[in-house]
Amino acid sequence: MAVPKRRLSKHRKRTRRAHHNLTALQLVRCTHCNAAIPGHRVCNNCGHYGSREVVSTENF
């Protein structure tokens, strides 16, 4: 089994882990009802995708 010959410094360890971070969710406004939704998704509030109604929300 491989064993490191020398201890990793804090700088080298933290540099390797520099990309292990969370990114914020990018939200856009629905063109029909102005609700905040993730991009390229059907709006949960009104059922529109862009200018088209994709999901019927009459039963809700």
N, C-alpha and C. Protein backbone atom coordinates (compact mmCIF):
# COMPACT_ATOMS: atom_id res chain seq x y z
N MET A 1 0.84 -1.18 0.00
CA MET A 1 0.00 0.00 0.00
C MET A 1 0.89 1.24 0.00
N ALA A 2 0.51 2.24 -0.77
CA ALA A 2 1.32 3.45 -0.87
C ALA A 2 1.13 4.32 0.37
N VAL A 3 2.25 4.79 0.89
CA VAL A 3 2.24 5.66 2.07
C VAL A 3 2.98 6.94 1.70
N PRO A 4 2.44 8.12 2.01
CA PRO A 4 3.14 9.34 1.67
C PRO A 4 4.46 9.45 2.42
N LYS A 5 5.50 9.91 1.72
CA LYS A 5 6.83 10.02 2.32
C LYS A 5 6.91 11.24 3.24
N ARG A 6 6.22 12.30 2.86
CA ARG A 6 6.24 13.53 3.66
C ARG A 6 4.81 14.02 3.88
N ARG A 7 4.66 14.79 4.94
CA ARG A 7 3.36 15.34 5.26
C ARG A 7 3.00 16.44 4.27
N LEU A 8 1.72 16.49 3.87
CA LEU A 8 1.25 17.56 2.98
C LEU A 8 1.13 18.86 3.78
N SER A 9 1.58 19.94 3.18
CA SER A 9 1.43 21.24 3.82
C SER A 9 -0.03 21.69 3.74
N LYS A 10 -0.38 22.64 4.59
CA LYS A 10 -1.75 23.17 4.58
C LYS A 10 -2.07 23.82 3.23
N HIS A 11 -1.09 24.52 2.67
CA HIS A 11 -1.31 25.20 1.40
C HIS A 11 -1.59 24.21 0.28
N ARG A 12 -0.81 23.15 0.19
CA ARG A 12 -1.01 22.17 -0.88
C ARG A 12 -2.34 21.46 -0.72
N LYS A 13 -2.71 21.14 0.50
CA LYS A 13 -3.98 20.46 0.76
C LYS A 13 -5.17 21.37 0.44
N ARG A 14 -5.09 22.63 0.84
CA ARG A 14 -6.19 23.56 0.61
C ARG A 14 -6.28 23.99 -0.85
N THR A 15 -5.16 24.00 -1.55
CA THR A 15 -5.18 24.31 -2.99
C THR A 15 -5.89 23.21 -3.76
N ARG A 16 -5.67 21.97 -3.39
CA ARG A 16 -6.32 20.86 -4.06
C ARG A 16 -7.83 20.89 -3.83
N ARG A 17 -8.24 21.35 -2.66
CA ARG A 17 -9.66 21.37 -2.31
C ARG A 17 -10.33 22.70 -2.63
N ALA A 18 -9.67 23.54 -3.39
CA ALA A 18 -10.20 24.89 -3.66
C ALA A 18 -11.49 24.84 -4.46
N HIS A 19 -11.69 23.80 -5.27
CA HIS A 19 -12.90 23.74 -6.10
C HIS A 19 -14.03 22.97 -5.42
N HIS A 20 -13.86 22.55 -4.18
CA HIS A 20 -14.91 21.82 -3.46
C HIS A 20 -15.82 22.83 -2.75
N ASN A 21 -16.56 23.58 -3.51
CA ASN A 21 -17.45 24.57 -2.92
C ASN A 21 -18.83 24.44 -3.56
N LEU A 22 -19.80 25.03 -2.92
CA LEU A 22 -21.18 24.99 -3.41
C LEU A 22 -21.44 26.24 -4.25
N THR A 23 -22.22 26.07 -5.30
CA THR A 23 -22.60 27.20 -6.12
C THR A 23 -24.07 27.54 -5.84
N ALA A 24 -24.38 28.80 -5.88
CA ALA A 24 -25.75 29.25 -5.63
C ALA A 24 -26.64 28.86 -6.80
N LEU A 25 -27.90 28.58 -6.51
CA LEU A 25 -28.87 28.22 -7.54
C LEU A 25 -29.20 29.45 -8.36
N GLN A 26 -29.07 29.34 -9.68
CA GLN A 26 -29.34 30.47 -10.57
C GLN A 26 -30.84 30.49 -10.89
N LEU A 27 -31.51 31.55 -10.50
CA LEU A 27 -32.94 31.66 -10.72
C LEU A 27 -33.24 32.75 -11.75
N VAL A 28 -34.27 32.52 -12.54
CA VAL A 28 -34.76 33.51 -13.51
C VAL A 28 -36.23 33.73 -13.23
N ARG A 29 -36.78 34.76 -13.83
CA ARG A 29 -38.20 35.08 -13.65
C ARG A 29 -39.03 34.44 -14.74
N CYS A 30 -40.16 33.88 -14.37
CA CYS A 30 -41.10 33.32 -15.34
C CYS A 30 -41.68 34.47 -16.16
N THR A 31 -41.77 34.27 -17.47
CA THR A 31 -42.27 35.33 -18.35
C THR A 31 -43.78 35.52 -18.22
N HIS A 32 -44.47 34.53 -17.68
CA HIS A 32 -45.93 34.62 -17.60
C HIS A 32 -46.40 35.13 -16.24
N CYS A 33 -45.89 34.55 -15.14
CA CYS A 33 -46.37 34.91 -13.80
C CYS A 33 -45.33 35.61 -12.95
N ASN A 34 -44.11 35.77 -13.46
CA ASN A 34 -43.03 36.49 -12.79
C ASN A 34 -42.56 35.80 -11.51
N ALA A 35 -42.72 34.48 -11.42
CA ALA A 35 -42.22 33.72 -10.28
C ALA A 35 -40.76 33.34 -10.53
N ALA A 36 -39.99 33.17 -9.45
CA ALA A 36 -38.59 32.80 -9.57
C ALA A 36 -38.48 31.28 -9.77
N ILE A 37 -37.86 30.85 -10.88
CA ILE A 37 -37.72 29.43 -11.22
C ILE A 37 -36.30 29.20 -11.72
N PRO A 38 -35.79 27.96 -11.65
CA PRO A 38 -34.51 27.65 -12.29
C PRO A 38 -34.64 27.77 -13.81
N GLY A 39 -33.56 28.10 -14.47
CA GLY A 39 -33.60 28.28 -15.91
C GLY A 39 -33.90 27.00 -16.66
N HIS A 40 -34.58 27.10 -17.78
CA HIS A 40 -34.93 25.98 -18.66
C HIS A 40 -35.79 24.94 -17.96
N ARG A 41 -36.68 25.37 -17.10
CA ARG A 41 -37.60 24.47 -16.41
C ARG A 41 -39.02 25.00 -16.57
N VAL A 42 -39.99 24.11 -16.47
CA VAL A 42 -41.39 24.50 -16.50
C VAL A 42 -41.72 25.15 -15.16
N CYS A 43 -42.46 26.24 -15.21
CA CYS A 43 -42.84 26.96 -13.99
C CYS A 43 -43.82 26.11 -13.18
N ASN A 44 -43.54 25.96 -11.89
CA ASN A 44 -44.43 25.19 -11.03
C ASN A 44 -45.69 25.97 -10.70
N ASN A 45 -45.64 27.27 -10.81
CA ASN A 45 -46.76 28.11 -10.43
C ASN A 45 -47.85 28.15 -11.51
N CYS A 46 -47.42 28.36 -12.78
CA CYS A 46 -48.42 28.54 -13.84
C CYS A 46 -48.34 27.47 -14.93
N GLY A 47 -47.28 26.65 -14.99
CA GLY A 47 -47.18 25.59 -15.97
C GLY A 47 -46.68 26.03 -17.33
N HIS A 48 -46.13 27.22 -17.42
CA HIS A 48 -45.62 27.73 -18.70
C HIS A 48 -44.13 27.46 -18.83
N TYR A 49 -43.69 27.24 -20.05
CA TYR A 49 -42.27 27.17 -20.41
C TYR A 49 -42.05 28.18 -21.51
N GLY A 50 -41.43 29.30 -21.17
CA GLY A 50 -41.32 30.39 -22.14
C GLY A 50 -42.68 31.03 -22.32
N SER A 51 -43.19 31.03 -23.55
CA SER A 51 -44.51 31.62 -23.80
C SER A 51 -45.59 30.57 -24.02
N ARG A 52 -45.21 29.27 -23.92
CA ARG A 52 -46.19 28.20 -24.16
C ARG A 52 -46.65 27.59 -22.84
N GLU A 53 -47.91 27.18 -22.78
CA GLU A 53 -48.40 26.45 -21.61
C GLU A 53 -48.14 24.97 -21.86
N VAL A 54 -47.30 24.37 -21.04
CA VAL A 54 -46.90 22.97 -21.22
C VAL A 54 -47.70 22.07 -20.31
N VAL A 55 -47.93 22.49 -19.09
CA VAL A 55 -48.66 21.70 -18.09
C VAL A 55 -49.94 22.44 -17.72
N SER A 56 -51.04 21.74 -17.76
CA SER A 56 -52.30 22.33 -17.38
C SER A 56 -52.39 22.45 -15.86
N THR A 57 -52.72 23.61 -15.36
CA THR A 57 -52.84 23.82 -13.91
C THR A 57 -54.28 24.05 -13.48
N GLU A 58 -55.24 23.62 -14.27
CA GLU A 58 -56.65 23.84 -13.93
C GLU A 58 -57.10 22.94 -12.79
N ASN A 59 -56.52 21.74 -12.66
CA ASN A 59 -56.96 20.80 -11.62
C ASN A 59 -56.40 21.14 -10.24
N PHE A 60 -55.43 22.00 -10.16
CA PHE A 60 -54.81 22.30 -8.87
C PHE A 60 -55.64 23.29 -8.17
